Amino acid sequence: MSNDIQMSGAPRVEVRVNGRAVSVPVGTVAAAAIAMAGVTAFRSSVRGQPRGPICGMGICMECRATVNGQPLRRTCLMVCEQGMEINTEVTASIASAVAA
């Protein structure tokens, strides 16, 4: 397991946030793993404003990120799985999809 970000205690899974290994307790949602990696802006609005989770229950849609190659996933509703890849960086294709 990587030394990038680790905490001891409960059983853990390792995910990657923007390429950085993060060890989180089993049952942690992806939005929390992103926050544990120190990321506060998950995506950008169509006007370039930073966006991050607000509601924590899948209604506001501000926690969307690319998870395992699938864009626009609501990370506050996704439980982390071993090896999950989370990318909060907005690419041109995602920005176009959001604007549509």
Protein backbone atom coordinates (compact mmCIF):
# COMPACT_ATOMS: atom_id res chain seq x y z
CA MET A 1 0.00 0.00 0.00
CA SER A 2 1.30 3.47 -0.82
CA ASN A 3 2.59 5.88 1.81
CA ASP A 4 1.07 8.88 0.02
CA ILE A 5 -1.90 9.25 2.39
CA GLN A 6 -2.60 6.62 5.04
CA MET A 7 -4.43 6.44 8.33
CA SER A 8 -4.39 3.49 10.70
CA GLY A 9 -7.33 1.68 12.27
CA ALA A 10 -10.28 0.13 10.43
CA PRO A 11 -9.94 -2.04 7.30
CA ARG A 12 -8.99 0.15 4.36
CA VAL A 13 -9.07 0.34 0.58
CA GLU A 14 -6.71 2.29 -1.63
CA VAL A 15 -8.02 4.61 -4.33
CA ARG A 16 -6.25 7.11 -6.57
CA VAL A 17 -7.34 10.75 -6.63
CA ASN A 18 -5.82 12.68 -9.52
CA GLY A 19 -3.08 10.04 -9.63
CA ARG A 20 -2.34 10.24 -5.89
CA ALA A 21 -2.81 7.14 -3.71
CA VAL A 22 -5.25 7.61 -0.84
CA SER A 23 -5.99 4.96 1.78
CA VAL A 24 -9.54 5.28 3.17
CA PRO A 25 -11.66 3.21 5.57
CA VAL A 26 -13.95 0.64 3.95
CA GLY A 27 -17.35 2.29 3.34
CA THR A 28 -15.95 5.77 2.61
CA VAL A 29 -17.69 7.62 -0.23
CA ALA A 30 -15.56 8.91 -3.09
CA ALA A 31 -16.31 12.58 -2.26
CA ALA A 32 -14.77 12.06 1.18
CA ALA A 33 -11.72 10.36 -0.35
CA ILE A 34 -11.28 13.36 -2.64
CA ALA A 35 -11.45 15.69 0.37
CA MET A 36 -8.96 13.48 2.25
CA ALA A 37 -6.59 13.99 -0.69
CA GLY A 38 -6.82 17.75 -0.07
CA VAL A 39 -8.89 18.54 -3.15
CA THR A 40 -11.61 21.15 -2.55
CA ALA A 41 -12.69 21.97 -6.12
CA PHE A 42 -13.94 18.83 -7.85
CA ARG A 43 -14.75 20.41 -11.18
CA SER A 44 -15.29 23.76 -12.89
CA SER A 45 -18.60 25.26 -13.94
CA VAL A 46 -19.14 26.16 -17.59
CA ARG A 47 -17.96 29.64 -16.62
CA GLY A 48 -14.78 28.31 -15.00
CA GLN A 49 -15.87 28.69 -11.38
CA PRO A 50 -14.65 25.99 -8.96
CA ARG A 51 -17.28 23.53 -7.78
CA GLY A 52 -17.34 21.07 -4.90
CA PRO A 53 -19.94 19.10 -2.94
CA ILE A 54 -22.68 21.01 -1.18
CA CYS A 55 -25.47 18.64 -0.21
CA GLY A 56 -23.66 15.31 0.29
CA MET A 57 -26.71 13.33 -0.86
CA GLY A 58 -26.67 13.47 -4.66
CA ILE A 59 -29.05 16.36 -5.27
CA CYS A 60 -26.78 19.34 -5.99
CA MET A 61 -24.59 17.53 -8.58
CA GLU A 62 -21.56 19.64 -7.56
CA CYS A 63 -19.48 16.59 -6.54
CA ARG A 64 -19.30 15.14 -10.05
CA ALA A 65 -15.96 13.73 -11.16
CA THR A 66 -14.62 11.09 -13.52
CA VAL A 67 -14.55 7.69 -11.78
CA ASN A 68 -12.91 4.71 -13.46
CA GLY A 69 -13.09 6.56 -16.78
CA GLN A 70 -16.80 7.40 -16.49
CA PRO A 71 -17.36 11.19 -16.44
CA LEU A 72 -19.90 13.14 -14.41
CA ARG A 73 -20.32 10.57 -11.61
CA ARG A 74 -21.82 11.83 -8.34
CA THR A 75 -19.01 11.00 -5.95
CA CYS A 76 -21.05 11.59 -2.80
CA LEU A 77 -23.13 8.50 -3.69
CA MET A 78 -20.27 6.15 -4.63
CA VAL A 79 -18.59 3.94 -2.04
CA CYS A 80 -14.86 3.59 -2.65
CA GLU A 81 -13.61 0.27 -3.99
CA GLN A 82 -10.05 -1.02 -4.04
CA GLY A 83 -8.17 0.49 -6.99
CA MET A 84 -10.85 3.06 -7.87
CA GLU A 85 -9.50 5.87 -10.07
CA ILE A 86 -11.00 9.30 -9.38
CA ASN A 87 -10.14 12.34 -11.50
CA THR A 88 -11.43 15.77 -10.55
CA GLU A 89 -9.66 17.60 -13.35
CA VAL A 90 -12.00 19.02 -15.96
CA THR A 91 -11.09 18.08 -19.51
CA ALA A 92 -12.35 19.76 -22.67
CA SER A 93 -14.70 16.84 -23.39
CA ILE A 94 -16.24 16.95 -19.92
CA ALA A 95 -16.63 20.73 -20.08
CA SER A 96 -18.44 20.32 -23.41
CA ALA A 97 -20.74 17.66 -21.94
CA VAL A 98 -21.60 19.88 -18.97
CA ALA A 99 -22.31 22.85 -21.24
CA ALA A 100 -24.66 20.83 -23.46
